[in-house]
Amino acid sequence: MRLARGARHARVLEIGCGGGGLLRMLHARGVCAMGVDTLASALHLARARTATHLIPLVHIAGDSALPFCDDAFDAIVAQHVIEHLTDVDTALREWARVLKPGGRLAIATPNARYPDPAHFADADHARVFSPDELQDAVTRAGFVVEECFTMFPYLGRARILRALGVLMYGLFRYLPGFATRGRTLVLAARVGIPPPGKMMR
């Protein structure tokens, strides 16, 4: 939510809104939130959970075309969605299309460099990205990457160590050996053409 910079009355689209939890948080902050998902069951749950908030929810048939006009939104958020898409380049170009000039994109996805990939193994994953790969894909679609980091470092398989990684991820974010190997990869970008030398690695 911070990376999307959804100010009050900003139009924010959540792609893959699932049960609507993030939509409710966005609404509570005064954001004009809207959600889309390919799963009718997820949208049914989201409608039940957001019924009092009048949040628009739209069913989409595939992972690329969005039923919105150009420049319709100030920001897009996508939590654990991009790893399920079969045509990432087409989807990202479509996301850029519906964003206003300078519009923001915030993505959270599993990190291919996480030492315990079985933790997020899913037969529905089309591709799990490394930080470099995700930044390359987003840049190809016309975005400027502003931040790319990982959360929840690998400290071991024990439950207590995983909990410690969640609680103290901010401390490990900048430590060599941990900074690029967190469980969740987070990226923030804006629509535009990157100036020379501004790509982050």
Protein backbone atom coordinates (compact mmCIF):
# COMPACT_ATOMS: atom_id res chain seq x y z
CA MET A 1 0.00 0.00 0.00
CA ARG A 2 2.88 2.36 0.77
CA LEU A 3 4.57 1.63 -2.53
CA ALA A 4 1.36 2.20 -4.48
CA ARG A 5 1.09 5.66 -2.87
CA GLY A 6 -2.68 5.51 -2.90
CA ALA A 7 -3.69 8.94 -1.62
CA ARG A 8 -7.28 9.69 -0.65
CA HIS A 9 -9.59 9.48 -3.67
CA ALA A 10 -6.88 7.90 -5.83
CA ARG A 11 -8.17 5.20 -8.19
CA VAL A 12 -6.38 1.96 -7.33
CA LEU A 13 -6.90 -1.37 -9.09
CA GLU A 14 -6.03 -4.62 -7.36
CA ILE A 15 -5.31 -7.38 -9.87
CA GLY A 16 -6.03 -10.77 -8.34
CA CYS A 17 -8.05 -9.34 -5.46
CA GLY A 18 -8.90 -12.75 -3.98
CA GLY A 19 -11.11 -12.47 -0.91
CA GLY A 20 -10.94 -8.67 -0.79
CA GLY A 21 -8.77 -8.12 2.31
CA LEU A 22 -6.47 -5.55 0.73
CA LEU A 23 -9.43 -3.82 -0.96
CA ARG A 24 -11.00 -3.23 2.45
CA MET A 25 -7.74 -1.74 3.76
CA LEU A 26 -7.47 0.55 0.73
CA HIS A 27 -11.09 1.63 1.16
CA ALA A 28 -10.47 2.42 4.84
CA ARG A 29 -7.74 4.84 3.73
CA GLY A 30 -10.15 6.72 1.47
CA VAL A 31 -8.92 5.16 -1.76
CA CYS A 32 -11.33 4.52 -4.65
CA ALA A 33 -10.45 0.83 -4.89
CA MET A 34 -11.53 -1.69 -7.51
CA GLY A 35 -10.70 -5.39 -7.79
CA VAL A 36 -10.47 -7.91 -10.60
CA ASP A 37 -9.92 -11.65 -10.47
CA THR A 38 -10.20 -14.65 -12.80
CA LEU A 39 -11.78 -16.81 -10.08
CA ALA A 40 -15.52 -16.45 -9.62
CA SER A 41 -15.26 -18.09 -6.18
CA ALA A 42 -12.76 -15.44 -5.03
CA LEU A 43 -15.00 -12.63 -6.24
CA HIS A 44 -17.99 -14.18 -4.48
CA LEU A 45 -16.05 -14.14 -1.21
CA ALA A 46 -14.80 -10.59 -1.86
CA ARG A 47 -18.35 -9.38 -2.51
CA ALA A 48 -19.49 -10.84 0.79
CA ARG A 49 -16.60 -9.21 2.66
CA THR A 50 -16.85 -5.80 0.99
CA ALA A 51 -20.63 -5.53 0.60
CA THR A 52 -20.92 -2.54 2.94
CA HIS A 53 -18.10 -0.66 1.18
CA LEU A 54 -19.57 -0.67 -2.35
CA ILE A 55 -16.22 -1.67 -3.88
CA PRO A 56 -16.55 -2.52 -7.60
CA LEU A 57 -15.42 -6.07 -8.44
CA VAL A 58 -14.99 -7.37 -11.99
CA HIS A 59 -14.55 -10.90 -13.27
CA ILE A 60 -11.92 -11.18 -16.02
CA ALA A 61 -11.60 -14.17 -18.32
CA GLY A 62 -7.83 -14.31 -18.76
CA ASP A 63 -4.54 -12.92 -17.56
CA SER A 64 -4.01 -10.11 -20.08
CA ALA A 65 -6.91 -7.96 -21.34
CA LEU A 66 -8.50 -5.61 -18.82
CA PRO A 67 -11.99 -4.14 -19.45
CA PHE A 68 -10.93 -0.54 -18.73
CA CYS A 69 -10.07 2.47 -20.84
CA ASP A 70 -6.58 3.92 -21.12
CA ASP A 71 -5.28 6.01 -18.18
CA ALA A 72 -8.09 4.81 -15.89
CA PHE A 73 -6.11 4.29 -12.64
CA ASP A 74 -3.54 6.03 -10.47
CA ALA A 75 -2.04 2.77 -9.21
CA ILE A 76 -2.13 -1.01 -9.57
CA VAL A 77 -1.33 -3.51 -6.84
CA ALA A 78 -0.77 -7.20 -7.54
CA GLN A 79 -0.08 -9.58 -4.65
CA HIS A 80 1.09 -13.05 -5.65
CA VAL A 81 -0.38 -12.79 -9.14
CA ILE A 82 2.42 -12.33 -11.65
CA GLU A 83 3.90 -15.76 -10.97
CA HIS A 84 0.64 -17.31 -12.25
CA LEU A 85 0.60 -15.47 -15.61
CA THR A 86 1.54 -17.35 -18.77
CA ASP A 87 2.25 -14.20 -20.83
CA VAL A 88 3.85 -11.75 -18.41
CA ASP A 89 5.00 -9.25 -21.05
CA THR A 90 1.51 -8.84 -22.50
CA ALA A 91 -0.06 -8.55 -19.06
CA LEU A 92 2.41 -5.90 -17.89
CA ARG A 93 1.87 -3.82 -21.05
CA GLU A 94 -1.86 -4.00 -20.38
CA TRP A 95 -1.32 -2.87 -16.80
CA ALA A 96 0.72 0.08 -18.08
CA ARG A 97 -2.05 0.94 -20.55
CA VAL A 98 -4.71 1.39 -17.89
CA LEU A 99 -2.43 3.48 -15.65
CA LYS A 100 -2.25 7.26 -15.93
CA PRO A 101 1.08 8.84 -16.95
CA GLY A 102 3.31 8.45 -13.90
CA GLY A 103 0.91 5.87 -12.47
CA ARG A 104 2.37 3.43 -9.97
CA LEU A 105 2.70 -0.34 -9.85
CA ALA A 106 3.34 -2.39 -6.69
CA ILE A 107 4.01 -6.13 -6.99
CA ALA A 108 4.59 -8.84 -4.38
CA THR A 109 5.62 -12.30 -5.60
CA PRO A 110 7.68 -15.31 -4.47
CA ASN A 111 11.44 -14.91 -4.86
CA ALA A 112 13.31 -17.47 -6.98
CA ARG A 113 16.43 -16.90 -4.86
CA TYR A 114 14.74 -18.01 -1.63
CA PRO A 115 16.73 -21.01 -0.31
CA ASP A 116 13.59 -23.05 0.50
CA PRO A 117 11.43 -22.87 -2.68
CA ALA A 118 9.24 -25.73 -1.44
CA HIS A 119 7.71 -23.18 0.96
CA PHE A 120 5.75 -21.61 -1.91
CA ALA A 121 5.59 -24.54 -4.34
CA ASP A 122 2.38 -24.32 -6.37
CA ALA A 123 1.48 -26.28 -9.50
CA ASP A 124 -0.31 -23.17 -10.81
CA HIS A 125 2.90 -21.10 -10.86
CA ALA A 126 3.95 -20.39 -14.44
CA ARG A 127 7.24 -18.76 -13.38
CA VAL A 128 8.91 -17.65 -10.15
CA PHE A 129 11.11 -14.56 -10.65
CA SER A 130 14.48 -13.51 -9.32
CA PRO A 131 14.84 -9.77 -8.55
CA ASP A 132 16.74 -9.18 -11.81
CA GLU A 133 14.20 -11.08 -13.89
CA LEU A 134 11.24 -9.21 -12.43
CA GLN A 135 12.90 -5.84 -12.95
CA ASP A 136 13.72 -6.75 -16.55
CA ALA A 137 10.12 -7.76 -17.27
CA VAL A 138 8.66 -4.62 -15.73
CA THR A 139 11.12 -2.38 -17.59
CA ARG A 140 10.31 -4.03 -20.93
CA ALA A 141 6.67 -3.03 -20.40
CA GLY A 142 7.60 0.67 -20.09
CA PHE A 143 7.87 1.06 -16.32
CA VAL A 144 10.66 2.73 -14.34
CA VAL A 145 11.67 0.56 -11.38
CA GLU A 146 11.99 2.63 -8.20
CA GLU A 147 12.38 -0.03 -5.53
CA CYS A 148 13.02 -3.76 -5.55
CA PHE A 149 13.73 -5.66 -2.35
CA THR A 150 12.87 -8.85 -0.51
CA MET A 151 11.04 -9.53 2.73
CA PHE A 152 11.09 -12.42 5.23
CA PRO A 153 14.67 -13.76 5.03
CA TYR A 154 15.49 -17.44 5.22
CA LEU A 155 16.87 -18.20 8.69
CA GLY A 156 16.05 -21.91 8.70
CA ARG A 157 13.08 -24.25 8.32
CA ALA A 158 12.03 -24.23 11.97
CA ARG A 159 8.76 -22.40 12.64
CA ILE A 160 10.34 -20.12 15.24
CA LEU A 161 13.04 -19.06 12.76
CA ARG A 162 10.45 -18.32 10.08
CA ALA A 163 8.51 -16.22 12.58
CA LEU A 164 11.69 -14.34 13.48
CA GLY A 165 12.31 -13.62 9.78
CA VAL A 166 8.82 -12.13 9.47
CA LEU A 167 9.16 -9.97 12.57
CA MET A 168 12.66 -8.70 11.84
CA TYR A 169 12.74 -8.58 8.03
CA GLY A 170 13.59 -4.85 8.05
CA LEU A 171 16.86 -5.59 9.85
CA PHE A 172 17.92 -8.27 7.36
CA ARG A 173 16.86 -6.30 4.28
CA TYR A 174 20.25 -4.59 3.96
CA LEU A 175 22.55 -7.39 5.14
CA PRO A 176 24.72 -9.17 2.55
CA GLY A 177 23.60 -12.75 2.11
CA PHE A 178 20.03 -11.92 3.14
CA ALA A 179 19.05 -8.86 1.08
CA THR A 180 18.26 -10.70 -2.16
CA ARG A 181 17.10 -14.04 -0.70
CA GLY A 182 13.95 -13.14 1.22
CA ARG A 183 10.83 -15.22 0.66
CA THR A 184 8.77 -12.40 -0.87
CA LEU A 185 10.01 -10.17 -3.67
CA VAL A 186 8.55 -6.65 -3.64
CA LEU A 187 8.79 -4.19 -6.53
CA ALA A 188 7.56 -0.62 -6.99
CA ALA A 189 7.60 1.13 -10.36
CA ARG A 190 5.93 3.94 -12.27
CA VAL A 191 4.89 4.33 -15.88
CA GLY A 192 7.57 6.00 -17.97
CA ILE A 193 10.83 5.58 -19.84
CA PRO A 194 13.82 5.02 -17.55
CA PRO A 195 16.66 7.54 -17.86
CA PRO A 196 20.13 6.05 -18.49
CA GLY A 197 21.73 4.46 -15.46
CA LYS A 198 18.60 4.40 -13.29
CA MET A 199 17.89 0.66 -13.48
CA MET A 200 18.36 -0.89 -10.04
CA ARG A 201 20.06 -4.25 -9.46
